[in-house]
Every structure is written in structure tokens, then in C-alpha cells.
Amino acid sequence: MAILALTTDLADMRERLGRIVVASSKAGDPVTAEDLGVAGALTVLMKDAIRWLLQLINLIKIPFFGKQGGGKPLNLSIPLS
């Protein structure tokens, strides 16, 4: 979730997901998602999960308000293409 909060675009998300250490070799060296060639697949999964979550929020009409609960609802229209 930290990657999702810190990322600026899909390319940045892919880079960050690629740096995740998923294992270590027999020699003790870290093995990253990019080393395994799965950073792109992780990015697609995360993008689809975000899209599904935003659709769910819009479906059940969860109100998100700015200014500590008061004011107008926040606009959650986020382009994911």
C-alpha cells in the first residue's frame, strides 16, 4: 500500500514494484520482482485492483468529504489509462 500512496504514474509504479525483494538466492543475494520478470504483471494487477476499488466506491456511494468531514464531496475520478 505504501507503493500505491507514493507512486506518481504507471511507469513509477512499475519501477517501484520491480524493486520489491521477493526472495533471496542460495548465496544470500536479494531477488527482486524485476529479476523474475514479473514487475509488469504486478503493475497490471495493481491497476485493475485500483479500478475495481474505485468502481466499488462509486457503486455503494461512499461519501468522501474534504476539510475534515465538511464541505463538498471529493472528486474520485482518477484516469487509469
PDB file of N, CA and C in Angstrom:
ATOM      1  N   MET A   1       0.817  -1.191   0.000  1.00  0.00           N
ATOM      2  CA  MET A   1       0.000   0.000   0.000  1.00  0.00           C
ATOM      3  C   MET A   1       0.864   1.260   0.000  1.00  0.00           C
ATOM      4  N   ALA A   2       2.062   1.181   0.545  1.00  0.00           N
ATOM      5  CA  ALA A   2       2.939   2.348   0.521  1.00  0.00           C
ATOM      6  C   ALA A   2       3.309   2.706  -0.911  1.00  0.00           C
ATOM      7  N   ILE A   3       3.527   1.689  -1.744  1.00  0.00           N
ATOM      8  CA  ILE A   3       3.847   1.948  -3.147  1.00  0.00           C
ATOM      9  C   ILE A   3       2.699   2.687  -3.812  1.00  0.00           C
ATOM     10  N   LEU A   4       1.474   2.262  -3.535  1.00  0.00           N
ATOM     11  CA  LEU A   4       0.306   2.919  -4.112  1.00  0.00           C
ATOM     12  C   LEU A   4       0.216   4.374  -3.662  1.00  0.00           C
ATOM     13  N   ALA A   5       0.529   4.634  -2.414  1.00  0.00           N
ATOM     14  CA  ALA A   5       0.441   6.001  -1.896  1.00  0.00           C
ATOM     15  C   ALA A   5       1.547   6.900  -2.453  1.00  0.00           C
ATOM     16  N   LEU A   6       2.700   6.336  -2.764  1.00  0.00           N
ATOM     17  CA  LEU A   6       3.840   7.146  -3.189  1.00  0.00           C
ATOM     18  C   LEU A   6       3.993   7.284  -4.697  1.00  0.00           C
ATOM     19  N   THR A   7       3.356   6.418  -5.460  1.00  0.00           N
ATOM     20  CA  THR A   7       3.558   6.403  -6.901  1.00  0.00           C
ATOM     21  C   THR A   7       2.934   7.623  -7.576  1.00  0.00           C
ATOM     22  N   THR A   8       3.554   8.050  -8.681  1.00  0.00           N
ATOM     23  CA  THR A   8       3.057   9.228  -9.394  1.00  0.00           C
ATOM     24  C   THR A   8       2.375   8.868 -10.713  1.00  0.00           C
ATOM     25  N   ASP A   9       2.768   7.754 -11.326  1.00  0.00           N
ATOM     26  CA  ASP A   9       2.133   7.292 -12.559  1.00  0.00           C
ATOM     27  C   ASP A   9       2.416   5.798 -12.724  1.00  0.00           C
ATOM     28  N   LEU A  10       1.930   5.217 -13.821  1.00  0.00           N
ATOM     29  CA  LEU A  10       2.089   3.774 -14.010  1.00  0.00           C
ATOM     30  C   LEU A  10       3.552   3.365 -14.166  1.00  0.00           C
ATOM     31  N   ALA A  11       4.338   4.167 -14.848  1.00  0.00           N
ATOM     32  CA  ALA A  11       5.760   3.840 -15.017  1.00  0.00           C
ATOM     33  C   ALA A  11       6.471   3.842 -13.668  1.00  0.00           C
ATOM     34  N   ASP A  12       6.146   4.824 -12.827  1.00  0.00           N
ATOM     35  CA  ASP A  12       6.731   4.886 -11.496  1.00  0.00           C
ATOM     36  C   ASP A  12       6.283   3.694 -10.656  1.00  0.00           C
ATOM     37  N   MET A  13       5.005   3.323 -10.776  1.00  0.00           N
ATOM     38  CA  MET A  13       4.502   2.174 -10.031  1.00  0.00           C
ATOM     39  C   MET A  13       5.233   0.902 -10.454  1.00  0.00           C
ATOM     40  N   ARG A  14       5.435   0.734 -11.767  1.00  0.00           N
ATOM     41  CA  ARG A  14       6.135  -0.453 -12.264  1.00  0.00           C
ATOM     42  C   ARG A  14       7.558  -0.511 -11.724  1.00  0.00           C
ATOM     43  N   GLU A  15       8.230   0.629 -11.709  1.00  0.00           N
ATOM     44  CA  GLU A  15       9.599   0.684 -11.196  1.00  0.00           C
ATOM     45  C   GLU A  15       9.647   0.319  -9.712  1.00  0.00           C
ATOM     46  N   ARG A  16       8.723   0.871  -8.949  1.00  0.00           N
ATOM     47  CA  ARG A  16       8.687   0.594  -7.512  1.00  0.00           C
ATOM     48  C   ARG A  16       8.340  -0.865  -7.222  1.00  0.00           C
ATOM     49  N   LEU A  17       7.362  -1.396  -7.963  1.00  0.00           N
ATOM     50  CA  LEU A  17       7.004  -2.803  -7.773  1.00  0.00           C
ATOM     51  C   LEU A  17       8.154  -3.721  -8.186  1.00  0.00           C
ATOM     52  N   GLY A  18       8.912  -3.330  -9.192  1.00  0.00           N
ATOM     53  CA  GLY A  18      10.047  -4.114  -9.641  1.00  0.00           C
ATOM     54  C   GLY A  18      11.166  -4.200  -8.623  1.00  0.00           C
ATOM     55  N   ARG A  19      11.250  -3.216  -7.730  1.00  0.00           N
ATOM     56  CA  ARG A  19      12.308  -3.210  -6.708  1.00  0.00           C
ATOM     57  C   ARG A  19      11.952  -3.997  -5.457  1.00  0.00           C
ATOM     58  N   ILE A  20      10.743  -4.557  -5.398  1.00  0.00           N
ATOM     59  CA  ILE A  20      10.352  -5.350  -4.226  1.00  0.00           C
ATOM     60  C   ILE A  20      11.202  -6.609  -4.168  1.00  0.00           C
ATOM     61  N   VAL A  21      11.785  -6.871  -3.027  1.00  0.00           N
ATOM     62  CA  VAL A  21      12.563  -8.099  -2.826  1.00  0.00           C
ATOM     63  C   VAL A  21      11.583  -9.210  -2.472  1.00  0.00           C
ATOM     64  N   VAL A  22      11.555 -10.247  -3.313  1.00  0.00           N
ATOM     65  CA  VAL A  22      10.590 -11.329  -3.132  1.00  0.00           C
ATOM     66  C   VAL A  22      11.237 -12.610  -2.617  1.00  0.00           C
ATOM     67  N   ALA A  23      12.554 -12.685  -2.694  1.00  0.00           N
ATOM     68  CA  ALA A  23      13.251 -13.894  -2.241  1.00  0.00           C
ATOM     69  C   ALA A  23      14.728 -13.567  -2.092  1.00  0.00           C
ATOM     70  N   SER A  24      15.480 -14.558  -1.694  1.00  0.00           N
ATOM     71  CA  SER A  24      16.933 -14.430  -1.692  1.00  0.00           C
ATOM     72  C   SER A  24      17.529 -15.684  -2.317  1.00  0.00           C
ATOM     73  N   SER A  25      18.635 -15.493  -2.996  1.00  0.00           N
ATOM     74  CA  SER A  25      19.278 -16.613  -3.677  1.00  0.00           C
ATOM     75  C   SER A  25      19.995 -17.490  -2.651  1.00  0.00           C
ATOM     76  N   LYS A  26      20.498 -18.621  -3.119  1.00  0.00           N
ATOM     77  CA  LYS A  26      21.248 -19.511  -2.222  1.00  0.00           C
ATOM     78  C   LYS A  26      22.486 -18.826  -1.668  1.00  0.00           C
ATOM     79  N   ALA A  27      22.998 -17.870  -2.435  1.00  0.00           N
ATOM     80  CA  ALA A  27      24.171 -17.119  -1.987  1.00  0.00           C
ATOM     81  C   ALA A  27      23.794 -15.993  -1.029  1.00  0.00           C
ATOM     82  N   GLY A  28      22.489 -15.764  -0.848  1.00  0.00           N
ATOM     83  CA  GLY A  28      22.029 -14.722   0.059  1.00  0.00           C
ATOM     84  C   GLY A  28      21.752 -13.388  -0.599  1.00  0.00           C
ATOM     85  N   ASP A  29      21.880 -13.326  -1.920  1.00  0.00           N
ATOM     86  CA  ASP A  29      21.615 -12.079  -2.644  1.00  0.00           C
ATOM     87  C   ASP A  29      20.109 -11.878  -2.793  1.00  0.00           C
ATOM     88  N   PRO A  30      19.639 -10.634  -2.704  1.00  0.00           N
ATOM     89  CA  PRO A  30      18.203 -10.385  -2.871  1.00  0.00           C
ATOM     90  C   PRO A  30      17.746 -10.619  -4.303  1.00  0.00           C
ATOM     91  N   VAL A  31      16.566 -11.178  -4.458  1.00  0.00           N
ATOM     92  CA  VAL A  31      15.953 -11.392  -5.764  1.00  0.00           C
ATOM     93  C   VAL A  31      14.724 -10.497  -5.823  1.00  0.00           C
ATOM     94  N   THR A  32      14.685  -9.604  -6.815  1.00  0.00           N
ATOM     95  CA  THR A  32      13.581  -8.659  -6.923  1.00  0.00           C
ATOM     96  C   THR A  32      12.543  -9.154  -7.920  1.00  0.00           C
ATOM     97  N   ALA A  33      11.395  -8.501  -7.905  1.00  0.00           N
ATOM     98  CA  ALA A  33      10.339  -8.831  -8.866  1.00  0.00           C
ATOM     99  C   ALA A  33      10.814  -8.580 -10.291  1.00  0.00           C
ATOM    100  N   GLU A  34      11.632  -7.558 -10.495  1.00  0.00           N
ATOM    101  CA  GLU A  34      12.179  -7.273 -11.823  1.00  0.00           C
ATOM    102  C   GLU A  34      13.125  -8.386 -12.265  1.00  0.00           C
ATOM    103  N   ASP A  35      13.909  -8.938 -11.341  1.00  0.00           N
ATOM    104  CA  ASP A  35      14.793 -10.057 -11.670  1.00  0.00           C
ATOM    105  C   ASP A  35      13.993 -11.251 -12.186  1.00  0.00           C
ATOM    106  N   LEU A  36      12.814 -11.448 -11.654  1.00  0.00           N
ATOM    107  CA  LEU A  36      11.960 -12.559 -12.065  1.00  0.00           C
ATOM    108  C   LEU A  36      11.123 -12.227 -13.298  1.00  0.00           C
ATOM    109  N   GLY A  37      11.113 -10.957 -13.704  1.00  0.00           N
ATOM    110  CA  GLY A  37      10.367 -10.539 -14.882  1.00  0.00           C
ATOM    111  C   GLY A  37       8.869 -10.410 -14.642  1.00  0.00           C
ATOM    112  N   VAL A  38       8.461 -10.127 -13.408  1.00  0.00           N
ATOM    113  CA  VAL A  38       7.034 -10.046 -13.101  1.00  0.00           C
ATOM    114  C   VAL A  38       6.575  -8.640 -12.706  1.00  0.00           C
ATOM    115  N   ALA A  39       7.434  -7.636 -12.857  1.00  0.00           N
ATOM    116  CA  ALA A  39       7.061  -6.274 -12.466  1.00  0.00           C
ATOM    117  C   ALA A  39       5.891  -5.759 -13.305  1.00  0.00           C
ATOM    118  N   GLY A  40       5.881  -6.056 -14.580  1.00  0.00           N
ATOM    119  CA  GLY A  40       4.779  -5.629 -15.445  1.00  0.00           C
ATOM    120  C   GLY A  40       3.465  -6.276 -15.050  1.00  0.00           C
ATOM    121  N   ALA A  41       3.514  -7.576 -14.741  1.00  0.00           N
ATOM    122  CA  ALA A  41       2.298  -8.281 -14.322  1.00  0.00           C
ATOM    123  C   ALA A  41       1.780  -7.729 -12.998  1.00  0.00           C
ATOM    124  N   LEU A  42       2.674  -7.416 -12.077  1.00  0.00           N
ATOM    125  CA  LEU A  42       2.255  -6.827 -10.801  1.00  0.00           C
ATOM    126  C   LEU A  42       1.596  -5.467 -11.018  1.00  0.00           C
ATOM    127  N   THR A  43       2.120  -4.702 -11.950  1.00  0.00           N
ATOM    128  CA  THR A  43       1.559  -3.387 -12.252  1.00  0.00           C
ATOM    129  C   THR A  43       0.151  -3.514 -12.808  1.00  0.00           C
ATOM    130  N   VAL A  44      -0.048  -4.461 -13.716  1.00  0.00           N
ATOM    131  CA  VAL A  44      -1.385  -4.670 -14.291  1.00  0.00           C
ATOM    132  C   VAL A  44      -2.362  -5.105 -13.208  1.00  0.00           C
ATOM    133  N   LEU A  45      -1.935  -6.010 -12.332  1.00  0.00           N
ATOM    134  CA  LEU A  45      -2.814  -6.447 -11.237  1.00  0.00           C
ATOM    135  C   LEU A  45      -3.189  -5.293 -10.323  1.00  0.00           C
ATOM    136  N   MET A  46      -2.211  -4.450  -9.982  1.00  0.00           N
ATOM    137  CA  MET A  46      -2.476  -3.315  -9.106  1.00  0.00           C
ATOM    138  C   MET A  46      -3.403  -2.316  -9.788  1.00  0.00           C
ATOM    139  N   LYS A  47      -3.172  -2.052 -11.072  1.00  0.00           N
ATOM    140  CA  LYS A  47      -4.018  -1.111 -11.820  1.00  0.00           C
ATOM    141  C   LYS A  47      -5.460  -1.608 -11.854  1.00  0.00           C
ATOM    142  N   ASP A  48      -5.653  -2.906 -12.118  1.00  0.00           N
ATOM    143  CA  ASP A  48      -7.000  -3.468 -12.154  1.00  0.00           C
ATOM    144  C   ASP A  48      -7.654  -3.436 -10.774  1.00  0.00           C
ATOM    145  N   ALA A  49      -6.870  -3.667  -9.727  1.00  0.00           N
ATOM    146  CA  ALA A  49      -7.415  -3.623  -8.369  1.00  0.00           C
ATOM    147  C   ALA A  49      -7.865  -2.210  -8.011  1.00  0.00           C
ATOM    148  N   ILE A  50      -7.086  -1.210  -8.422  1.00  0.00           N
ATOM    149  CA  ILE A  50      -7.451   0.179  -8.146  1.00  0.00           C
ATOM    150  C   ILE A  50      -8.739   0.527  -8.887  1.00  0.00           C
ATOM    151  N   ARG A  51      -8.817   0.122 -10.142  1.00  0.00           N
ATOM    152  CA  ARG A  51     -10.012   0.407 -10.943  1.00  0.00           C
ATOM    153  C   ARG A  51     -11.244  -0.227 -10.300  1.00  0.00           C
ATOM    154  N   TRP A  52     -11.121  -1.484  -9.875  1.00  0.00           N
ATOM    155  CA  TRP A  52     -12.238  -2.182  -9.230  1.00  0.00           C
ATOM    156  C   TRP A  52     -12.648  -1.464  -7.945  1.00  0.00           C
ATOM    157  N   LEU A  53     -11.671  -1.034  -7.153  1.00  0.00           N
ATOM    158  CA  LEU A  53     -11.966  -0.344  -5.899  1.00  0.00           C
ATOM    159  C   LEU A  53     -12.704   0.964  -6.150  1.00  0.00           C
ATOM    160  N   LEU A  54     -12.269   1.726  -7.148  1.00  0.00           N
ATOM    161  CA  LEU A  54     -12.948   2.988  -7.454  1.00  0.00           C
ATOM    162  C   LEU A  54     -14.369   2.751  -7.952  1.00  0.00           C
ATOM    163  N   GLN A  55     -14.581   1.693  -8.732  1.00  0.00           N
ATOM    164  CA  GLN A  55     -15.929   1.355  -9.179  1.00  0.00           C
ATOM    165  C   GLN A  55     -16.802   0.953  -8.005  1.00  0.00           C
ATOM    166  N   LEU A  56     -16.238   0.215  -7.050  1.00  0.00           N
ATOM    167  CA  LEU A  56     -16.983  -0.195  -5.861  1.00  0.00           C
ATOM    168  C   LEU A  56     -17.378   1.018  -5.026  1.00  0.00           C
ATOM    169  N   ILE A  57     -16.448   1.943  -4.861  1.00  0.00           N
ATOM    170  CA  ILE A  57     -16.739   3.158  -4.086  1.00  0.00           C
ATOM    171  C   ILE A  57     -17.891   3.927  -4.741  1.00  0.00           C
ATOM    172  N   ASN A  58     -17.862   4.049  -6.057  1.00  0.00           N
ATOM    173  CA  ASN A  58     -18.930   4.757  -6.766  1.00  0.00           C
ATOM    174  C   ASN A  58     -20.240   3.991  -6.724  1.00  0.00           C
ATOM    175  N   LEU A  59     -20.181   2.655  -6.722  1.00  0.00           N
ATOM    176  CA  LEU A  59     -21.385   1.831  -6.706  1.00  0.00           C
ATOM    177  C   LEU A  59     -22.137   1.951  -5.383  1.00  0.00           C
ATOM    178  N   ILE A  60     -21.402   1.903  -4.279  1.00  0.00           N
ATOM    179  CA  ILE A  60     -22.074   1.938  -2.970  1.00  0.00           C
ATOM    180  C   ILE A  60     -22.136   3.352  -2.396  1.00  0.00           C
ATOM    181  N   LYS A  61     -21.690   4.318  -3.188  1.00  0.00           N
ATOM    182  CA  LYS A  61     -21.813   5.736  -2.839  1.00  0.00           C
ATOM    183  C   LYS A  61     -21.201   6.074  -1.476  1.00  0.00           C
ATOM    184  N   ILE A  62     -19.942   5.691  -1.292  1.00  0.00           N
ATOM    185  CA  ILE A  62     -19.238   6.047  -0.063  1.00  0.00           C
ATOM    186  C   ILE A  62     -18.876   7.528  -0.152  1.00  0.00           C
ATOM    187  N   PRO A  63     -19.344   8.338   0.785  1.00  0.00           N
ATOM    188  CA  PRO A  63     -19.016   9.766   0.712  1.00  0.00           C
ATOM    189  C   PRO A  63     -17.614  10.047   1.232  1.00  0.00           C
ATOM    190  N   PHE A  64     -16.837  10.751   0.456  1.00  0.00           N
ATOM    191  CA  PHE A  64     -15.534  11.231   0.891  1.00  0.00           C
ATOM    192  C   PHE A  64     -15.613  12.743   0.890  1.00  0.00           C
ATOM    193  N   PHE A  65     -15.398  13.339   2.037  1.00  0.00           N
ATOM    194  CA  PHE A  65     -15.532  14.781   2.159  1.00  0.00           C
ATOM    195  C   PHE A  65     -14.193  15.406   2.487  1.00  0.00           C
ATOM    196  N   GLY A  66     -13.968  16.579   1.934  1.00  0.00           N
ATOM    197  CA  GLY A  66     -12.766  17.341   2.235  1.00  0.00           C
ATOM    198  C   GLY A  66     -12.954  18.159   3.496  1.00  0.00           C
ATOM    199  N   LYS A  67     -11.913  18.786   3.927  1.00  0.00           N
ATOM    200  CA  LYS A  67     -11.929  19.682   5.084  1.00  0.00           C
ATOM    201  C   LYS A  67     -12.480  18.999   6.331  1.00  0.00           C
ATOM    202  N   GLN A  68     -11.941  17.847   6.671  1.00  0.00           N
ATOM    203  CA  GLN A  68     -12.276  17.108   7.889  1.00  0.00           C
ATOM    204  C   GLN A  68     -13.769  16.822   8.010  1.00  0.00           C
ATOM    205  N   GLY A  69     -14.362  16.316   6.960  1.00  0.00           N
ATOM    206  CA  GLY A  69     -15.752  15.888   7.018  1.00  0.00           C
ATOM    207  C   GLY A  69     -16.758  16.908   6.528  1.00  0.00           C
ATOM    208  N   GLY A  70     -16.376  18.160   6.433  1.00  0.00           N
ATOM    209  CA  GLY A  70     -17.311  19.169   5.951  1.00  0.00           C
ATOM    210  C   GLY A  70     -16.997  19.545   4.519  1.00  0.00           C
ATOM    211  N   GLY A  71     -17.818  20.328   3.936  1.00  0.00           N
ATOM    212  CA  GLY A  71     -17.562  20.786   2.581  1.00  0.00           C
ATOM    213  C   GLY A  71     -18.122  19.857   1.531  1.00  0.00           C
ATOM    214  N   LYS A  72     -17.687  20.049   0.310  1.00  0.00           N
ATOM    215  CA  LYS A  72     -18.183  19.267  -0.811  1.00  0.00           C
ATOM    216  C   LYS A  72     -17.480  17.906  -0.862  1.00  0.00           C
ATOM    217  N   PRO A  73     -18.166  16.888  -1.402  1.00  0.00           N
ATOM    218  CA  PRO A  73     -17.501  15.587  -1.574  1.00  0.00           C
ATOM    219  C   PRO A  73     -16.314  15.709  -2.528  1.00  0.00           C
ATOM    220  N   LEU A  74     -15.265  14.936  -2.260  1.00  0.00           N
ATOM    221  CA  LEU A  74     -14.083  14.953  -3.110  1.00  0.00           C
ATOM    222  C   LEU A  74     -14.367  14.258  -4.433  1.00  0.00           C
ATOM    223  N   ASN A  75     -13.736  14.701  -5.482  1.00  0.00           N
ATOM    224  CA  ASN A  75     -13.885  14.083  -6.793  1.00  0.00           C
ATOM    225  C   ASN A  75     -12.919  12.904  -6.878  1.00  0.00           C
ATOM    226  N   LEU A  76     -13.444  11.689  -7.052  1.00  0.00           N
ATOM    227  CA  LEU A  76     -12.617  10.491  -7.130  1.00  0.00           C
ATOM    228  C   LEU A  76     -12.424  10.015  -8.560  1.00  0.00           C
ATOM    229  N   SER A  77     -12.664  10.858  -9.533  1.00  0.00           N
ATOM    230  CA  SER A  77     -12.465  10.487 -10.923  1.00  0.00           C
ATOM    231  C   SER A  77     -10.977  10.512 -11.243  1.00  0.00           C
ATOM    232  N   ILE A  78     -10.373   9.330 -11.259  1.00  0.00           N
ATOM    233  CA  ILE A  78      -8.947   9.213 -11.489  1.00  0.00           C
ATOM    234  C   ILE A  78      -8.725   8.466 -12.794  1.00  0.00           C
ATOM    235  N   PRO A  79      -8.107   9.076 -13.791  1.00  0.00           N
ATOM    236  CA  PRO A  79      -7.860   8.351 -15.047  1.00  0.00           C
ATOM    237  C   PRO A  79      -6.792   7.292 -14.844  1.00  0.00           C
ATOM    238  N   LEU A  80      -7.089   6.061 -15.245  1.00  0.00           N
ATOM    239  CA  LEU A  80      -6.148   4.961 -15.053  1.00  0.00           C
ATOM    240  C   LEU A  80      -5.616   4.426 -16.364  1.00  0.00           C
ATOM    241  N   SER A  81      -5.724   5.185 -17.407  1.00  0.00           N
ATOM    242  CA  SER A  81      -5.220   4.686 -18.694  1.00  0.00           C
ATOM    243  C   SER A  81      -3.835   5.230 -18.979  1.00  0.00           C
TER     244      SER A  81
END
